[in-house]
C-alpha atoms as a PDB file:
ATOM      1  CA  UNK A   1     -24.510  34.321 104.196  1.00  0.00           C
ATOM      2  CA  UNK A   2     -26.235  33.439 107.360  1.00  0.00           C
ATOM      3  CA  UNK A   3     -28.309  30.441 108.212  1.00  0.00           C
ATOM      4  CA  UNK A   4     -30.945  30.586 110.914  1.00  0.00           C
ATOM      5  CA  UNK A   5     -31.744  27.324 112.583  1.00  0.00           C
ATOM      6  CA  UNK A   6     -34.746  26.308 114.663  1.00  0.00           C
ATOM      7  CA  UNK A   7     -35.086  22.774 116.038  1.00  0.00           C
ATOM      8  CA  UNK A   8     -33.074  19.916 114.700  1.00  0.00           C
ATOM      9  CA  UNK A   9     -32.164  21.575 111.434  1.00  0.00           C
ATOM     10  CA  UNK A  10     -28.650  21.079 110.176  1.00  0.00           C
ATOM     11  CA  UNK A  11     -26.334  23.903 109.230  1.00  0.00           C
ATOM     12  CA  UNK A  12     -25.497  24.087 105.552  1.00  0.00           C
ATOM     13  CA  UNK A  13     -22.816  26.215 103.912  1.00  0.00           C
ATOM     14  CA  UNK A  14     -22.151  29.113 106.229  1.00  0.00           C
ATOM     15  CA  UNK A  15     -18.386  28.978 106.198  1.00  0.00           C
ATOM     16  CA  UNK A  16     -18.114  32.690 105.627  1.00  0.00           C
ATOM     17  CA  UNK A  17     -20.924  34.031 107.745  1.00  0.00           C
ATOM     18  CA  UNK A  18     -22.977  33.430 110.859  1.00  0.00           C
ATOM     19  CA  UNK A  19     -24.733  30.382 112.200  1.00  0.00           C
ATOM     20  CA  UNK A  20     -27.664  30.747 114.537  1.00  0.00           C
ATOM     21  CA  UNK A  21     -28.445  27.744 116.668  1.00  0.00           C
ATOM     22  CA  UNK A  22     -31.601  26.800 118.510  1.00  0.00           C
ATOM     23  CA  UNK A  23     -31.798  23.673 120.652  1.00  0.00           C
ATOM     24  CA  UNK A  24     -29.224  20.935 120.623  1.00  0.00           C
ATOM     25  CA  UNK A  25     -27.840  21.727 117.198  1.00  0.00           C
ATOM     26  CA  UNK A  26     -24.091  21.604 116.782  1.00  0.00           C
ATOM     27  CA  UNK A  27     -22.051  24.374 115.231  1.00  0.00           C
ATOM     28  CA  UNK A  28     -20.365  23.473 111.970  1.00  0.00           C
ATOM     29  CA  UNK A  29     -18.004  25.626 109.930  1.00  0.00           C
ATOM     30  CA  UNK A  30     -18.157  29.160 111.308  1.00  0.00           C
ATOM     31  CA  UNK A  31     -14.468  29.772 111.653  1.00  0.00           C
ATOM     32  CA  UNK A  32     -14.702  33.154 110.037  1.00  0.00           C
ATOM     33  CA  UNK A  33     -17.860  34.535 111.544  1.00  0.00           C
ATOM     34  CA  UNK A  34     -20.252  34.378 114.458  1.00  0.00           C
ATOM     35  CA  UNK A  35     -21.812  31.498 116.316  1.00  0.00           C
ATOM     36  CA  UNK A  36     -25.136  31.951 118.026  1.00  0.00           C
ATOM     37  CA  UNK A  37     -25.930  29.493 120.766  1.00  0.00           C
ATOM     38  CA  UNK A  38     -29.260  28.502 122.259  1.00  0.00           C
ATOM     39  CA  UNK A  39     -29.420  26.132 125.204  1.00  0.00           C
ATOM     40  CA  UNK A  40     -26.365  24.475 126.641  1.00  0.00           C
ATOM     41  CA  UNK A  41     -24.500  24.317 123.360  1.00  0.00           C
ATOM     42  CA  UNK A  42     -20.793  24.973 123.440  1.00  0.00           C
ATOM     43  CA  UNK A  43     -19.078  27.495 121.198  1.00  0.00           C
ATOM     44  CA  UNK A  44     -16.676  25.975 118.720  1.00  0.00           C
ATOM     45  CA  UNK A  45     -14.389  27.828 116.335  1.00  0.00           C
ATOM     46  CA  UNK A  46     -15.247  31.525 116.519  1.00  0.00           C
ATOM     47  CA  UNK A  47     -11.727  32.781 116.952  1.00  0.00           C
ATOM     48  CA  UNK A  48     -12.184  35.517 114.405  1.00  0.00           C
ATOM     49  CA  UNK A  49     -15.641  36.790 115.169  1.00  0.00           C
ATOM     50  CA  UNK A  50     -18.451  36.990 117.673  1.00  0.00           C
ATOM     51  CA  UNK A  51     -19.764  34.446 120.113  1.00  0.00           C
ATOM     52  CA  UNK A  52     -23.473  34.377 120.791  1.00  0.00           C
ATOM     53  CA  UNK A  53     -24.552  32.981 124.111  1.00  0.00           C
ATOM     54  CA  UNK A  54     -27.770  31.473 125.394  1.00  0.00           C
ATOM     55  CA  UNK A  55     -28.616  32.049 129.037  1.00  0.00           C
ATOM     56  CA  UNK A  56     -27.015  34.683 131.199  1.00  0.00           C
ATOM     57  CA  UNK A  57     -23.785  34.792 129.273  1.00  0.00           C
ATOM     58  CA  UNK A  58     -22.338  38.178 128.512  1.00  0.00           C
ATOM     59  CA  UNK A  59     -21.344  39.340 125.041  1.00  0.00           C
ATOM     60  CA  UNK A  60     -17.630  39.924 124.619  1.00  0.00           C
ATOM     61  CA  UNK A  61     -15.994  41.876 121.827  1.00  0.00           C
ATOM     62  CA  UNK A  62     -18.458  41.862 118.962  1.00  0.00           C
ATOM     63  CA  UNK A  63     -18.374  45.547 118.148  1.00  0.00           C
ATOM     64  CA  UNK A  64     -17.721  44.875 114.507  1.00  0.00           C
ATOM     65  CA  UNK A  65     -19.743  41.768 113.927  1.00  0.00           C
ATOM     66  CA  UNK A  66     -22.753  39.928 115.239  1.00  0.00           C
ATOM     67  CA  UNK A  67     -24.388  39.750 118.621  1.00  0.00           C
ATOM     68  CA  UNK A  68     -26.395  36.666 119.386  1.00  0.00           C
ATOM     69  CA  UNK A  69     -28.779  36.875 122.286  1.00  0.00           C
ATOM     70  CA  UNK A  70     -30.623  34.238 124.280  1.00  0.00           C
ATOM     71  CA  UNK A  71     -33.257  35.324 126.738  1.00  0.00           C
ATOM     72  CA  UNK A  72     -34.020  38.925 127.602  1.00  0.00           C
ATOM     73  CA  UNK A  73     -30.637  40.230 126.581  1.00  0.00           C
ATOM     74  CA  UNK A  74     -30.565  43.447 124.612  1.00  0.00           C
ATOM     75  CA  UNK A  75     -28.763  43.896 121.314  1.00  0.00           C
ATOM     76  CA  UNK A  76     -25.769  46.206 121.450  1.00  0.00           C
ATOM     77  CA  UNK A  77     -23.603  47.343 118.556  1.00  0.00           C
ATOM     78  CA  UNK A  78     -24.490  45.235 115.555  1.00  0.00           C
ATOM     79  CA  UNK A  79     -24.726  48.017 113.020  1.00  0.00           C
ATOM     80  CA  UNK A  80     -22.451  46.221 110.621  1.00  0.00           C
ATOM     81  CA  UNK A  81     -23.469  42.632 110.952  1.00  0.00           C
ATOM     82  CA  UNK A  82     -26.090  40.200 112.137  1.00  0.00           C
ATOM     83  CA  UNK A  83     -28.374  40.042 115.143  1.00  0.00           C
ATOM     84  CA  UNK A  84     -29.357  36.665 116.460  1.00  0.00           C
ATOM     85  CA  UNK A  85     -32.353  36.548 118.726  1.00  0.00           C
ATOM     86  CA  UNK A  86     -33.675  33.947 121.127  1.00  0.00           C
ATOM     87  CA  UNK A  87     -37.069  34.442 122.676  1.00  0.00           C
ATOM     88  CA  UNK A  88     -39.219  37.520 122.232  1.00  0.00           C
ATOM     89  CA  UNK A  89     -36.383  39.896 121.547  1.00  0.00           C
ATOM     90  CA  UNK A  90     -36.841  42.414 118.770  1.00  0.00           C
ATOM     91  CA  UNK A  91     -34.391  42.996 115.940  1.00  0.00           C
ATOM     92  CA  UNK A  92     -32.597  46.328 116.032  1.00  0.00           C
ATOM     93  CA  UNK A  93     -30.079  47.640 113.524  1.00  0.00           C
ATOM     94  CA  UNK A  94     -29.312  44.907 111.047  1.00  0.00           C
ATOM     95  CA  UNK A  95     -29.599  46.960 107.892  1.00  0.00           C
ATOM     96  CA  UNK A  96     -26.441  45.519 106.418  1.00  0.00           C
ATOM     97  CA  UNK A  97     -26.576  41.893 107.364  1.00  0.00           C
ATOM     98  CA  UNK A  98     -28.645  38.980 108.558  1.00  0.00           C
ATOM     99  CA  UNK A  99     -31.275  38.544 111.220  1.00  0.00           C
ATOM    100  CA  UNK A 100     -31.504  35.203 112.942  1.00  0.00           C
ATOM    101  CA  UNK A 101     -34.609  34.479 114.952  1.00  0.00           C
ATOM    102  CA  UNK A 102     -35.444  31.850 117.519  1.00  0.00           C
ATOM    103  CA  UNK A 103     -39.071  31.244 118.381  1.00  0.00           C
ATOM    104  CA  UNK A 104     -41.988  32.952 116.733  1.00  0.00           C
ATOM    105  CA  UNK A 105     -40.121  36.085 115.798  1.00  0.00           C
ATOM    106  CA  UNK A 106     -40.501  37.428 112.298  1.00  0.00           C
ATOM    107  CA  UNK A 107     -37.628  38.366 110.021  1.00  0.00           C
ATOM    108  CA  UNK A 108     -37.318  42.089 109.406  1.00  0.00           C
ATOM    109  CA  UNK A 109     -34.651  43.687 107.245  1.00  0.00           C
ATOM    110  CA  UNK A 110     -32.673  40.888 105.663  1.00  0.00           C
ATOM    111  CA  UNK A 111     -32.793  42.183 102.121  1.00  0.00           C
ATOM    112  CA  UNK A 112     -29.094  41.752 101.609  1.00  0.00           C
ATOM    113  CA  UNK A 113     -28.221  38.561 103.378  1.00  0.00           C
ATOM    114  CA  UNK A 114     -29.753  35.907 105.577  1.00  0.00           C
ATOM    115  CA  UNK A 115     -31.555  32.704 104.966  1.00  0.00           C
ATOM    116  CA  UNK A 116     -34.305  32.024 107.450  1.00  0.00           C
ATOM    117  CA  UNK A 117     -34.951  28.328 107.930  1.00  0.00           C
ATOM    118  CA  UNK A 118     -37.484  27.013 110.408  1.00  0.00           C
END
């Protein structure tokens, strides 16, 4: 499933799903899914899925998977996968997958997937 990280946490087993990063964490095994970045991190192996950016980056082709946002960005088409938020954004349609939050946000509909770890 998905693992949501905050500050300094380490990613566990998310080889098949999404990894949401916060500050300074490094992406581990996310070769098959999405990588959500926070501040200044670099995207690693996300060749098969979505890339989530931090500040000012634009989402590319993530129509079928996850969209990870940083600051003030709006979620687009994530009806089938996960939504990763940064600061103050609200979760939209994540009925089928995981919701990864950043700072102070509360998890909404994650009944089928995600693990929220502060």
